[in-house]
Amino acid sequence: MRTTVTLDPDIYEAAMQMSQTSGKRLGQVLSELARRGLRPPPPAARQKSRRFPTFEIPADAPMISVAKLQRIIDEEGLF
């Protein structure tokens, strides 16, 4: 697909440098960079905890307030 875009000067220079050093056309370099930017980031390296189990929490998970936690602990008779 052919289109016209406006790039910031530093991005243009970096892409041109990559194009020249790799021997690829500028469009190919920009497409590869765009694809890289669109990929989801790899999961963060997890450090193994020896004392407590860990688990992943989705980024869009709602926050639970300390007051709500305390109320649940009190109602359930925990601790």
C-alpha atoms as a PDB file:
ATOM      1  CA  MET A   1       0.000   0.000   0.000  1.00  0.00           C
ATOM      2  CA  ARG A   2       1.334   3.398  -0.845  1.00  0.00           C
ATOM      3  CA  THR A   3       0.617   6.377   1.406  1.00  0.00           C
ATOM      4  CA  THR A   4       2.179   9.594   2.658  1.00  0.00           C
ATOM      5  CA  VAL A   5       3.029  10.041   6.320  1.00  0.00           C
ATOM      6  CA  THR A   6       4.820  12.716   8.312  1.00  0.00           C
ATOM      7  CA  LEU A   7       7.546  11.454  10.635  1.00  0.00           C
ATOM      8  CA  ASP A   8       9.407  13.304  13.351  1.00  0.00           C
ATOM      9  CA  PRO A   9      12.942  14.088  12.175  1.00  0.00           C
ATOM     10  CA  ASP A  10      14.619  11.789  14.711  1.00  0.00           C
ATOM     11  CA  ILE A  11      12.407   8.856  13.718  1.00  0.00           C
ATOM     12  CA  TYR A  12      13.063   9.466  10.034  1.00  0.00           C
ATOM     13  CA  GLU A  13      16.821   9.596  10.606  1.00  0.00           C
ATOM     14  CA  ALA A  14      16.810   6.413  12.687  1.00  0.00           C
ATOM     15  CA  ALA A  15      14.684   4.564  10.121  1.00  0.00           C
ATOM     16  CA  MET A  16      16.905   5.778   7.267  1.00  0.00           C
ATOM     17  CA  GLN A  17      19.994   4.599   9.152  1.00  0.00           C
ATOM     18  CA  MET A  18      18.405   1.195   9.686  1.00  0.00           C
ATOM     19  CA  SER A  19      17.439   1.087   6.024  1.00  0.00           C
ATOM     20  CA  GLN A  20      20.952   1.894   4.848  1.00  0.00           C
ATOM     21  CA  THR A  21      22.710  -0.531   7.196  1.00  0.00           C
ATOM     22  CA  SER A  22      20.302  -3.409   6.528  1.00  0.00           C
ATOM     23  CA  GLY A  23      19.974  -2.846   2.778  1.00  0.00           C
ATOM     24  CA  LYS A  24      16.194  -2.861   3.093  1.00  0.00           C
ATOM     25  CA  ARG A  25      13.871  -0.247   1.664  1.00  0.00           C
ATOM     26  CA  LEU A  26      12.630   2.441   4.036  1.00  0.00           C
ATOM     27  CA  GLY A  27       9.057   1.134   3.753  1.00  0.00           C
ATOM     28  CA  GLN A  28      10.170  -2.354   4.786  1.00  0.00           C
ATOM     29  CA  VAL A  29      12.005  -0.979   7.808  1.00  0.00           C
ATOM     30  CA  LEU A  30       9.014   1.119   8.874  1.00  0.00           C
ATOM     31  CA  SER A  31       6.668  -1.865   8.438  1.00  0.00           C
ATOM     32  CA  GLU A  32       8.908  -4.067  10.596  1.00  0.00           C
ATOM     33  CA  LEU A  33       9.105  -1.389  13.289  1.00  0.00           C
ATOM     34  CA  ALA A  34       5.331  -0.928  13.244  1.00  0.00           C
ATOM     35  CA  ARG A  35       4.789  -4.696  13.557  1.00  0.00           C
ATOM     36  CA  ARG A  36       7.185  -4.817  16.505  1.00  0.00           C
ATOM     37  CA  GLY A  37       5.307  -1.978  18.165  1.00  0.00           C
ATOM     38  CA  LEU A  38       1.956  -3.688  17.666  1.00  0.00           C
ATOM     39  CA  ARG A  39       3.014  -6.990  19.249  1.00  0.00           C
ATOM     40  CA  PRO A  40       1.998  -7.410  22.871  1.00  0.00           C
ATOM     41  CA  PRO A  41       4.933  -7.085  25.243  1.00  0.00           C
ATOM     42  CA  PRO A  42       6.430 -10.312  26.554  1.00  0.00           C
ATOM     43  CA  PRO A  43       5.420 -11.217  30.087  1.00  0.00           C
ATOM     44  CA  ALA A  44       7.688  -9.738  32.714  1.00  0.00           C
ATOM     45  CA  ALA A  45      10.204 -12.087  34.231  1.00  0.00           C
ATOM     46  CA  ARG A  46       8.858 -13.290  37.527  1.00  0.00           C
ATOM     47  CA  GLN A  47      11.055 -13.747  40.510  1.00  0.00           C
ATOM     48  CA  LYS A  48      10.294 -16.884  42.432  1.00  0.00           C
ATOM     49  CA  SER A  49       9.120 -16.177  45.942  1.00  0.00           C
ATOM     50  CA  ARG A  50      10.081 -18.703  48.565  1.00  0.00           C
ATOM     51  CA  ARG A  51       7.666 -17.469  51.213  1.00  0.00           C
ATOM     52  CA  PHE A  52       4.487 -16.587  49.354  1.00  0.00           C
ATOM     53  CA  PRO A  53       2.741 -17.868  46.218  1.00  0.00           C
ATOM     54  CA  THR A  54       2.395 -15.318  43.431  1.00  0.00           C
ATOM     55  CA  PHE A  55      -0.043 -14.910  40.558  1.00  0.00           C
ATOM     56  CA  GLU A  56      -0.694 -12.581  37.660  1.00  0.00           C
ATOM     57  CA  ILE A  57      -3.365  -9.898  37.939  1.00  0.00           C
ATOM     58  CA  PRO A  58      -4.923  -8.569  34.718  1.00  0.00           C
ATOM     59  CA  ALA A  59      -4.153  -4.902  34.046  1.00  0.00           C
ATOM     60  CA  ASP A  60      -7.875  -4.054  33.955  1.00  0.00           C
ATOM     61  CA  ALA A  61      -8.686  -5.761  37.271  1.00  0.00           C
ATOM     62  CA  PRO A  62     -10.592  -3.468  39.664  1.00  0.00           C
ATOM     63  CA  MET A  63      -8.793  -2.224  42.762  1.00  0.00           C
ATOM     64  CA  ILE A  64      -9.924  -3.593  46.121  1.00  0.00           C
ATOM     65  CA  SER A  65      -9.714  -1.086  48.938  1.00  0.00           C
ATOM     66  CA  VAL A  66      -8.166  -1.866  52.303  1.00  0.00           C
ATOM     67  CA  ALA A  67     -11.491  -0.989  53.954  1.00  0.00           C
ATOM     68  CA  LYS A  68     -13.296  -3.600  51.854  1.00  0.00           C
ATOM     69  CA  LEU A  69     -10.651  -6.207  52.674  1.00  0.00           C
ATOM     70  CA  GLN A  70     -10.955  -5.434  56.383  1.00  0.00           C
ATOM     71  CA  ARG A  71     -14.748  -5.717  56.209  1.00  0.00           C
ATOM     72  CA  ILE A  72     -14.488  -9.137  54.522  1.00  0.00           C
ATOM     73  CA  ILE A  73     -11.923 -10.323  57.080  1.00  0.00           C
ATOM     74  CA  ASP A  74     -14.213  -9.198  59.903  1.00  0.00           C
ATOM     75  CA  GLU A  75     -17.345 -10.744  58.340  1.00  0.00           C
ATOM     76  CA  GLU A  76     -15.664 -14.062  57.560  1.00  0.00           C
ATOM     77  CA  GLY A  77     -13.902 -14.226  60.923  1.00  0.00           C
ATOM     78  CA  LEU A  78     -10.533 -14.653  59.275  1.00  0.00           C
ATOM     79  CA  PHE A  79      -7.338 -14.267  61.301  1.00  0.00           C
END
